[in-house]
Amino acid sequence: MRVVSAAAVLPPEIIRWRWRIFAATWCCYAGYYFCRKPFYIVKSALGNELHFDATALGMIGSVYLVAYALGQFASGALGNRLGPRLLLMLGMSVSIAANVGFGLSNSLQSFLVLMALNGLAQSTGWSGTVGTMANWFRRSERGTVMGFWATNFQVGGVVANTLAAWVLGTWGFRYSFFTGALVLLAVQVFFVFNQRNKPGDLGLPAVDDPDEPKEGEEQGLSRKAWTNVLLVGAFYFFVKFIRYSLWSWAPFFLERNFGLKGDDAGYLSTVFDLAGVAGVIVTGLLSDKFFKSRRAGVSLLMMLIMLASCVLLFVGGGVSVTLFAVCLGLVGFTLYGPDALMSGAGAMDIGSRRGAVLAAGVINGMGSIGSVVQELLIGRLYDTGKGNLGPIFLLLLAASAAAAFTIGIVWVRNKRGDSDV
C-alpha cells in the first residue's frame, strides 16, 4: 500500500475526503443526541403524565446507562472487527426505532426495555466515530482537529435540547421522541454517502504518521497502553458522573425547585452545553500549541478550575436560578474540554490507529459506569431529601475533586515518561 509521508503535502483527494469524513462523523455523533436527549428534557412531564416518581425516572435512566456502559465495551471490540461504518449504521437504525417506541409507550416496563435497546445502540457512536477520525488525521493535528470536531456533542446537545423543549411545549412529550428519530434518520442518509473507514477503502494512500505503529505491527493494545487506558478510564468515570448528573437532572431541578415551565427549563439547561462548545475548542488548541500535543496537563488545569466552579455550585447554586445557570456554564466550560480531549484525541494517542476504536470504547465504557451510578444516586437523594439540592451538589463537588486527582496521576506518569497522553 502506498503511504503519504508525514512531511509531504496531502493529495487533493485525501484533503477533500478529510472534510467529508469530518462532516459525516461530526453530524453522526451530533445526530445521536436527538435520540438521547429527549428523555432528559421531557422527564418531568413524562413523570407527571404517566405517574412516575423521581425514583422510577431514575430507574429508567439507569437502565439506559447500564446498557450504554456495557455496549461501550462491546462496541470497542466489535468496531475493530466489523469496522466503524457498519457499527454506526446499526447503532443509528436501532436508536431511531427505539425512539419511535418511546413515543408510543405508556408503561414503565416498555420504557425500561426500549431504554436498554437505545443504550446499546447509542454506545456505538463514540468509538465508531473516533475510530474513523484516527485513520484520517495525524497525532500532531489531533488536539486541534478533535477540539473542533468534539463540539459535536455540545452542539448536538444544545440543538437536541432546544428542539425537544420546543416540541414538548408545542405538541407534548411524545412528539419530542418522534422528532428526534426523524432528525437522526436524515443524518443517517448523509452519513451513508460521506463516510469511509480509511483512505484505503477508496483506493487512496494511507496517511503516514511517524508517531503511529507501522503496518505489520500487532493490532490492539500493549500492556503499557492498557495501563494508560485504565487510568484515563478512571478519570472519565468521574467526568461522566458530573456531566450526566447535570444533563439528566438540571431541567428537572429547574422545573421542580425553581418553578420554571418544562420548555423554559429545557432551554435554560442548554447553558451547560453552550459553554462546553467554547471549552472544547480552547482546550484542544491549548493542547497542541502549548502542551506539545500532550493531553493530561491541560486537562488537569481545566479540572482544577472546574473544582472551584463546583465549590460555587455547592455554596450558592440552590439560592437562585441565575446563580444556578452561571454555575452550569462554568462547569460546562471547564468539564467538556478534558472530557472530549481525553476520550477522543487521548484515546487515539493511546491506542494508535490500530487500537483507537478499542481504546475509545473501553475509556468511554468506564466513564459510562459513572453515568449509571449518578442516575441511581441522585434520584434517591432527591426523593429522600424531599427536594433538597445541598447533598446533590456536595456529591458533585466530591466527584470533581476525584476527577482532578485521577488526571493528576496521569500527568505525573507523563512527566516520568510512563505515559504519552
Protein backbone atom coordinates (compact mmCIF):
# COMPACT_ATOMS: atom_id res chain seq x y z
CA MET A 1 0.00 0.00 0.00
CA ARG A 2 1.25 3.47 -0.84
CA VAL A 3 1.74 5.85 2.06
CA VAL A 4 1.98 9.61 2.16
CA SER A 5 4.98 10.93 4.04
CA ALA A 6 4.17 12.92 7.15
CA ALA A 7 6.29 15.76 5.76
CA ALA A 8 4.58 15.71 2.35
CA VAL A 9 1.57 17.70 1.28
CA LEU A 10 -1.50 15.52 1.26
CA PRO A 11 -3.02 14.68 -2.15
CA PRO A 12 -6.11 16.75 -3.04
CA GLU A 13 -8.31 13.61 -2.95
CA ILE A 14 -7.39 12.93 0.68
CA ILE A 15 -7.87 16.57 1.65
CA ARG A 16 -11.36 16.59 0.13
CA TRP A 17 -12.26 13.32 1.80
CA ARG A 18 -10.97 14.51 5.17
CA TRP A 19 -13.51 17.34 5.02
CA ARG A 20 -16.24 14.83 4.15
CA ILE A 21 -15.14 12.45 6.92
CA PHE A 22 -15.06 15.31 9.43
CA ALA A 23 -18.56 16.41 8.41
CA ALA A 24 -20.03 12.89 8.30
CA THR A 25 -18.68 11.79 11.69
CA TRP A 26 -19.44 15.19 13.29
CA CYS A 27 -23.05 15.06 12.09
CA CYS A 28 -23.32 11.39 13.01
CA TYR A 29 -22.37 11.87 16.65
CA ALA A 30 -24.34 15.10 16.95
CA GLY A 31 -27.31 13.25 15.45
CA TYR A 32 -27.15 10.57 18.14
CA TYR A 33 -28.13 13.22 20.69
CA PHE A 34 -31.50 13.78 19.06
CA CYS A 35 -32.36 10.24 20.15
CA ARG A 36 -30.60 10.56 23.51
CA LYS A 37 -31.61 13.93 24.98
CA PRO A 38 -35.45 13.95 24.66
CA PHE A 39 -35.89 11.74 27.74
CA TYR A 40 -33.97 14.19 29.92
CA ILE A 41 -35.93 17.18 28.62
CA VAL A 42 -39.36 15.56 28.99
CA LYS A 43 -38.54 13.71 32.22
CA SER A 44 -40.75 15.82 34.47
CA ALA A 45 -43.68 15.97 32.01
CA LEU A 46 -43.41 12.24 31.35
CA GLY A 47 -43.40 11.54 35.08
CA ASN A 48 -46.47 13.72 35.64
CA GLU A 49 -48.47 12.18 32.79
CA LEU A 50 -47.54 8.55 33.41
CA HIS A 51 -47.34 8.89 37.23
CA PHE A 52 -43.61 8.02 37.57
CA ASP A 53 -41.85 9.45 40.65
CA ALA A 54 -38.18 10.54 40.68
CA THR A 55 -37.03 7.06 41.72
CA ALA A 56 -38.86 5.44 38.79
CA LEU A 57 -37.48 8.05 36.39
CA GLY A 58 -34.02 7.39 37.78
CA MET A 59 -34.55 3.68 37.17
CA ILE A 60 -35.42 4.30 33.52
CA GLY A 61 -32.35 6.47 33.10
CA SER A 62 -30.10 3.97 34.85
CA VAL A 63 -31.25 1.10 32.61
CA TYR A 64 -30.25 3.17 29.60
CA LEU A 65 -26.89 3.96 31.14
CA VAL A 66 -26.14 0.37 32.18
CA ALA A 67 -26.82 -0.76 28.62
CA TYR A 68 -24.77 2.15 27.30
CA ALA A 69 -21.81 1.26 29.54
CA LEU A 70 -21.89 -2.44 28.63
CA GLY A 71 -22.34 -1.55 24.99
CA GLN A 72 -19.24 0.66 25.01
CA PHE A 73 -17.01 -2.32 25.81
CA ALA A 74 -18.74 -4.47 23.21
CA SER A 75 -18.62 -1.68 20.59
CA GLY A 76 -14.90 -1.20 21.14
CA ALA A 77 -14.26 -4.86 20.43
CA LEU A 78 -16.78 -5.19 17.58
CA GLY A 79 -15.63 -1.99 15.93
CA ASN A 80 -12.15 -3.42 15.46
CA ARG A 81 -13.67 -6.43 13.66
CA LEU A 82 -16.66 -5.03 11.79
CA GLY A 83 -15.30 -1.58 11.06
CA PRO A 84 -16.79 1.74 12.24
CA ARG A 85 -19.13 2.19 9.25
CA LEU A 86 -21.19 -0.96 9.81
CA LEU A 87 -21.17 -0.43 13.57
CA LEU A 88 -22.54 3.11 13.27
CA MET A 89 -25.18 2.22 10.70
CA LEU A 90 -26.53 -0.48 13.01
CA GLY A 91 -26.48 1.81 16.03
CA MET A 92 -28.36 4.62 14.32
CA SER A 93 -31.04 2.27 12.98
CA VAL A 94 -31.79 0.72 16.38
CA SER A 95 -31.81 4.09 18.16
CA ILE A 96 -34.30 5.51 15.65
CA ALA A 97 -36.61 2.54 16.19
CA ALA A 98 -36.34 2.79 19.99
CA ASN A 99 -37.31 6.48 20.00
CA VAL A 100 -40.36 5.80 17.88
CA GLY A 101 -41.25 3.19 20.50
CA PHE A 102 -40.84 5.74 23.33
CA GLY A 103 -43.43 7.96 21.71
CA LEU A 104 -45.92 5.08 21.65
CA SER A 105 -45.27 3.70 25.15
CA ASN A 106 -47.35 4.11 28.31
CA SER A 107 -45.87 1.67 30.84
CA LEU A 108 -42.74 1.58 32.96
CA GLN A 109 -41.89 -1.87 31.59
CA SER A 110 -41.92 -0.76 27.96
CA PHE A 111 -39.74 2.25 28.75
CA LEU A 112 -37.23 0.01 30.53
CA VAL A 113 -36.95 -2.40 27.60
CA LEU A 114 -36.69 0.34 24.99
CA MET A 115 -34.17 2.26 27.09
CA ALA A 116 -31.96 -0.82 27.24
CA LEU A 117 -32.08 -1.13 23.43
CA ASN A 118 -31.41 2.57 22.99
CA GLY A 119 -28.44 2.42 25.35
CA LEU A 120 -26.85 -0.42 23.39
CA ALA A 121 -27.47 1.42 20.11
CA GLN A 122 -26.15 4.76 21.36
CA SER A 123 -22.97 3.11 22.66
CA THR A 124 -21.76 2.57 19.09
CA GLY A 125 -21.43 6.30 18.46
CA TRP A 126 -18.24 7.49 20.14
CA SER A 127 -15.88 4.59 19.47
CA GLY A 128 -17.09 4.32 15.86
CA THR A 129 -16.64 7.99 15.02
CA VAL A 130 -13.35 8.36 16.93
CA GLY A 131 -12.03 5.23 15.24
CA THR A 132 -12.86 6.71 11.85
CA MET A 133 -11.12 10.01 12.60
CA ALA A 134 -7.97 8.22 13.80
CA ASN A 135 -7.43 6.81 10.30
CA TRP A 136 -7.56 10.22 8.61
CA PHE A 137 -5.60 12.56 10.92
CA ARG A 138 -2.09 12.57 12.39
CA ARG A 139 -1.27 12.78 16.07
CA SER A 140 0.22 16.28 15.75
CA GLU A 141 -3.14 17.51 14.41
CA ARG A 142 -5.49 15.70 16.74
CA GLY A 143 -5.70 18.14 19.64
CA THR A 144 -6.83 20.98 17.38
CA VAL A 145 -8.86 18.86 14.97
CA MET A 146 -10.61 16.93 17.72
CA GLY A 147 -11.13 20.15 19.68
CA PHE A 148 -13.30 21.45 16.84
CA TRP A 149 -14.72 18.01 15.99
CA ALA A 150 -15.77 17.26 19.56
CA THR A 151 -18.09 20.25 19.55
CA ASN A 152 -20.50 17.71 18.06
CA PHE A 153 -21.82 16.57 21.41
CA GLN A 154 -22.23 20.10 22.75
CA VAL A 155 -23.83 21.49 19.60
CA GLY A 156 -25.84 18.29 19.20
CA GLY A 157 -26.88 18.52 22.82
CA VAL A 158 -27.89 22.19 22.57
CA VAL A 159 -29.90 21.78 19.37
CA ALA A 160 -31.44 18.49 20.54
CA ASN A 161 -32.38 20.09 23.88
CA THR A 162 -33.88 23.13 22.19
CA LEU A 163 -35.84 21.09 19.67
CA ALA A 164 -37.12 18.64 22.28
CA ALA A 165 -38.13 21.52 24.59
CA TRP A 166 -39.93 23.37 21.78
CA VAL A 167 -41.78 20.24 20.66
CA LEU A 168 -42.63 19.45 24.30
CA GLY A 169 -44.23 22.87 24.75
CA THR A 170 -46.00 22.71 21.38
CA TRP A 171 -47.21 19.11 20.96
CA GLY A 172 -46.30 17.22 24.14
CA PHE A 173 -43.58 14.84 25.25
CA ARG A 174 -44.36 12.01 22.80
CA TYR A 175 -43.57 14.14 19.77
CA SER A 176 -40.19 15.06 21.26
CA PHE A 177 -39.22 11.42 20.73
CA PHE A 178 -40.73 11.23 17.23
CA THR A 179 -38.95 14.39 16.10
CA GLY A 180 -35.59 13.18 17.40
CA ALA A 181 -35.96 9.94 15.46
CA LEU A 182 -36.72 11.85 12.26
CA VAL A 183 -33.60 14.03 12.63
CA LEU A 184 -31.32 11.02 13.18
CA LEU A 185 -32.81 9.33 10.11
CA ALA A 186 -31.84 12.35 7.99
CA VAL A 187 -28.32 12.26 9.47
CA GLN A 188 -28.02 8.58 8.64
CA VAL A 189 -28.73 9.27 4.96
CA PHE A 190 -25.99 11.93 4.89
CA PHE A 191 -23.58 9.56 6.65
CA VAL A 192 -24.03 6.78 4.07
CA PHE A 193 -22.69 8.94 1.25
CA ASN A 194 -19.88 10.72 3.10
CA GLN A 195 -18.15 8.28 5.47
CA ARG A 196 -15.43 5.71 4.76
CA ASN A 197 -13.44 3.88 7.41
CA LYS A 198 -9.99 4.68 5.99
CA PRO A 199 -8.33 6.05 2.84
CA GLY A 200 -7.64 2.53 1.61
CA ASP A 201 -11.39 1.90 1.24
CA LEU A 202 -11.32 4.46 -1.57
CA GLY A 203 -8.08 3.24 -3.13
CA LEU A 204 -6.22 6.22 -1.64
CA PRO A 205 -2.83 6.04 0.12
CA ALA A 206 -2.72 5.85 3.90
CA VAL A 207 -1.54 8.99 5.68
CA ASP A 208 1.80 8.14 7.23
CA ASP A 209 2.48 9.33 10.77
CA PRO A 210 5.87 8.78 12.46
CA ASP A 211 4.16 8.57 15.86
CA GLU A 212 1.92 5.67 14.79
CA PRO A 213 2.75 1.93 14.62
CA LYS A 214 3.69 0.85 11.11
CA GLU A 215 1.97 -1.78 9.01
CA GLY A 216 2.59 -5.27 10.26
CA GLU A 217 2.70 -4.39 13.96
CA GLU A 218 0.30 -6.24 16.23
CA GLN A 219 -3.20 -4.86 16.29
CA GLY A 220 -4.64 -4.00 19.68
CA LEU A 221 -3.16 -2.52 22.88
CA SER A 222 0.18 -3.14 24.57
CA ARG A 223 0.50 -3.63 28.33
CA LYS A 224 1.62 0.00 28.75
CA ALA A 225 -1.29 1.15 26.64
CA TRP A 226 -3.73 -0.86 28.75
CA THR A 227 -2.41 0.81 31.92
CA ASN A 228 -2.99 4.22 30.38
CA VAL A 229 -6.45 3.23 29.14
CA LEU A 230 -7.47 2.14 32.64
CA LEU A 231 -6.14 5.31 34.26
CA VAL A 232 -7.86 7.58 31.75
CA GLY A 233 -10.99 5.43 32.10
CA ALA A 234 -10.96 6.01 35.87
CA PHE A 235 -10.70 9.76 35.27
CA TYR A 236 -13.55 9.54 32.80
CA PHE A 237 -15.74 7.74 35.35
CA PHE A 238 -15.88 10.91 37.44
CA VAL A 239 -16.14 13.25 34.44
CA LYS A 240 -19.18 11.45 33.08
CA PHE A 241 -20.65 11.20 36.57
CA ILE A 242 -20.71 15.01 36.67
CA ARG A 243 -21.74 15.54 33.03
CA TYR A 244 -24.67 13.15 33.13
CA SER A 245 -25.77 14.43 36.53
CA LEU A 246 -26.26 17.87 35.02
CA TRP A 247 -27.61 16.61 31.71
CA SER A 248 -30.09 14.31 33.32
CA TRP A 249 -31.30 16.39 36.24
CA ALA A 250 -30.71 20.10 35.53
CA PRO A 251 -34.03 20.54 33.61
CA PHE A 252 -35.78 18.57 36.37
CA PHE A 253 -34.30 20.77 39.12
CA LEU A 254 -35.10 23.97 37.21
CA GLU A 255 -38.74 22.95 36.96
CA ARG A 256 -39.26 21.39 40.39
CA ASN A 257 -37.01 23.63 42.54
CA PHE A 258 -37.01 26.95 40.71
CA GLY A 259 -40.55 26.91 39.29
CA LEU A 260 -39.73 27.15 35.56
CA LYS A 261 -42.06 25.68 32.96
CA GLY A 262 -40.89 22.47 31.30
CA ASP A 263 -39.86 24.05 27.99
CA ASP A 264 -38.18 27.02 29.68
CA ALA A 265 -36.23 24.64 31.93
CA GLY A 266 -35.08 22.78 28.83
CA TYR A 267 -33.95 25.98 27.13
CA LEU A 268 -32.01 27.23 30.16
CA SER A 269 -30.26 23.90 30.69
CA THR A 270 -28.54 24.35 27.31
CA VAL A 271 -26.20 26.87 29.01
CA PHE A 272 -24.20 23.84 30.13
CA ASP A 273 -23.65 22.62 26.56
CA LEU A 274 -23.18 26.08 25.02
CA ALA A 275 -20.36 26.92 27.41
CA GLY A 276 -18.90 23.49 26.68
CA VAL A 277 -18.52 24.31 22.97
CA ALA A 278 -16.03 27.07 23.78
CA GLY A 279 -14.35 24.90 26.41
CA VAL A 280 -13.68 22.05 23.97
CA ILE A 281 -12.17 24.34 21.31
CA VAL A 282 -9.98 26.21 23.81
CA THR A 283 -8.72 23.02 25.45
CA GLY A 284 -7.89 21.38 22.11
CA LEU A 285 -5.97 24.42 20.87
CA LEU A 286 -4.03 24.70 24.15
CA SER A 287 -3.16 21.00 23.93
CA ASP A 288 -1.41 21.31 20.56
CA LYS A 289 0.02 24.84 20.83
CA PHE A 290 1.25 25.00 24.42
CA PHE A 291 1.34 21.42 25.74
CA LYS A 292 3.10 19.77 22.75
CA SER A 293 0.12 17.53 21.91
CA ARG A 294 0.07 16.15 25.46
CA ARG A 295 -3.44 15.99 26.87
CA ALA A 296 -3.07 15.38 30.62
CA GLY A 297 -1.51 18.74 31.57
CA VAL A 298 -4.17 20.96 30.04
CA SER A 299 -6.88 18.61 31.33
CA LEU A 300 -5.54 18.92 34.88
CA LEU A 301 -5.55 22.71 34.58
CA MET A 302 -9.19 22.75 33.48
CA MET A 303 -10.18 20.26 36.19
CA LEU A 304 -8.77 22.50 38.91
CA ILE A 305 -10.81 25.43 37.60
CA MET A 306 -13.87 23.18 37.45
CA LEU A 307 -13.32 22.18 41.06
CA ALA A 308 -13.61 25.84 42.05
CA SER A 309 -16.80 26.10 39.95
CA CYS A 310 -18.31 23.14 41.80
CA VAL A 311 -17.48 24.80 45.12
CA LEU A 312 -19.51 27.82 43.96
CA LEU A 313 -22.35 25.50 42.90
CA PHE A 314 -22.38 23.87 46.34
CA VAL A 315 -22.21 27.15 48.23
CA GLY A 316 -24.83 29.10 46.30
CA GLY A 317 -26.24 27.05 43.42
CA GLY A 318 -29.52 26.38 45.18
CA VAL A 319 -30.13 30.03 46.11
CA SER A 320 -31.29 31.48 42.79
CA VAL A 321 -31.95 30.35 39.26
CA THR A 322 -29.44 32.93 37.96
CA LEU A 323 -26.57 31.63 40.08
CA PHE A 324 -27.51 28.05 39.22
CA ALA A 325 -27.31 28.93 35.50
CA VAL A 326 -23.94 30.67 35.95
CA CYS A 327 -22.57 27.59 37.69
CA LEU A 328 -23.88 25.38 34.89
CA GLY A 329 -21.97 27.48 32.38
CA LEU A 330 -18.73 27.48 34.40
CA VAL A 331 -18.80 23.73 34.92
CA GLY A 332 -19.68 23.14 31.27
CA PHE A 333 -16.76 25.26 30.01
CA THR A 334 -14.17 23.54 32.20
CA LEU A 335 -15.59 20.00 32.03
CA TYR A 336 -16.22 19.48 28.33
CA GLY A 337 -12.65 20.20 27.17
CA PRO A 338 -10.95 17.45 29.20
CA ASP A 339 -13.96 15.20 28.58
CA ALA A 340 -13.59 15.41 24.79
CA LEU A 341 -9.79 15.57 24.75
CA MET A 342 -9.08 12.52 26.89
CA SER A 343 -11.80 10.31 25.42
CA GLY A 344 -11.11 11.43 21.83
CA ALA A 345 -7.56 12.54 20.99
CA GLY A 346 -6.27 10.84 24.14
CA ALA A 347 -7.82 7.52 23.14
CA MET A 348 -6.33 7.87 19.65
CA ASP A 349 -2.88 8.58 21.09
CA ILE A 350 -3.03 5.62 23.46
CA GLY A 351 -4.48 3.11 21.02
CA SER A 352 -2.96 4.41 17.76
CA ARG A 353 -4.92 3.83 14.58
CA ARG A 354 -4.98 0.07 15.09
CA GLY A 355 -6.37 0.24 18.61
CA ALA A 356 -8.23 3.56 18.65
CA VAL A 357 -11.72 2.02 18.47
CA LEU A 358 -10.91 -0.39 21.31
CA ALA A 359 -9.25 2.29 23.49
CA ALA A 360 -12.13 4.73 22.93
CA GLY A 361 -14.67 2.02 23.72
CA VAL A 362 -13.03 0.96 26.99
CA ILE A 363 -12.42 4.54 28.19
CA ASN A 364 -15.97 5.59 27.36
CA GLY A 365 -17.31 2.36 28.85
CA MET A 366 -15.60 3.02 32.18
CA GLY A 367 -16.88 6.57 32.07
CA SER A 368 -20.38 5.33 31.42
CA ILE A 369 -20.33 3.39 34.67
CA GLY A 370 -20.14 6.81 36.35
CA SER A 371 -23.23 7.82 34.40
CA VAL A 372 -25.09 4.82 35.78
CA VAL A 373 -24.04 5.50 39.36
CA GLN A 374 -25.18 9.13 39.28
CA GLU A 375 -28.61 8.23 37.93
CA LEU A 376 -29.20 5.78 40.75
CA LEU A 377 -27.84 8.05 43.47
CA ILE A 378 -29.32 11.41 42.53
CA GLY A 379 -32.90 10.23 42.08
CA ARG A 380 -32.82 8.64 45.52
CA LEU A 381 -31.06 11.61 47.12
CA TYR A 382 -33.69 13.94 45.72
CA ASP A 383 -36.59 11.81 47.00
CA THR A 384 -35.13 11.05 50.43
CA GLY A 385 -34.04 14.68 50.86
CA LYS A 386 -37.51 15.89 49.81
CA GLY A 387 -36.10 18.09 47.06
CA ASN A 388 -33.09 19.46 48.96
CA LEU A 389 -30.28 20.11 46.43
CA GLY A 390 -27.49 20.51 49.02
CA PRO A 391 -26.48 16.82 49.26
CA ILE A 392 -26.57 16.51 45.47
CA PHE A 393 -24.26 19.49 44.96
CA LEU A 394 -21.90 18.11 47.63
CA LEU A 395 -21.77 14.83 45.71
CA LEU A 396 -20.82 16.71 42.51
CA LEU A 397 -18.10 18.57 44.41
CA ALA A 398 -16.62 15.28 45.63
CA ALA A 399 -16.71 13.85 42.11
CA SER A 400 -14.89 16.91 40.72
CA ALA A 401 -12.14 16.51 43.33
CA ALA A 402 -11.75 12.85 42.40
CA ALA A 403 -11.55 13.73 38.68
CA ALA A 404 -8.79 16.26 39.36
CA PHE A 405 -6.89 13.70 41.44
CA THR A 406 -7.02 10.93 38.83
CA ILE A 407 -5.96 13.14 35.90
CA GLY A 408 -3.19 14.38 38.18
CA ILE A 409 -1.88 10.80 38.37
CA VAL A 410 -1.87 10.60 34.56
CA TRP A 411 0.02 13.91 34.40
CA VAL A 412 2.66 12.70 36.90
CA ARG A 413 3.13 9.49 34.87
CA ASN A 414 3.53 11.64 31.78
CA LYS A 415 6.30 13.61 33.47
CA ARG A 416 8.05 10.36 34.41
CA GLY A 417 7.83 9.04 30.86
CA ASP A 418 5.34 6.28 31.70
CA SER A 419 2.55 7.86 29.65
CA ASP A 420 2.42 9.66 26.33
CA VAL A 421 -1.05 11.16 26.76
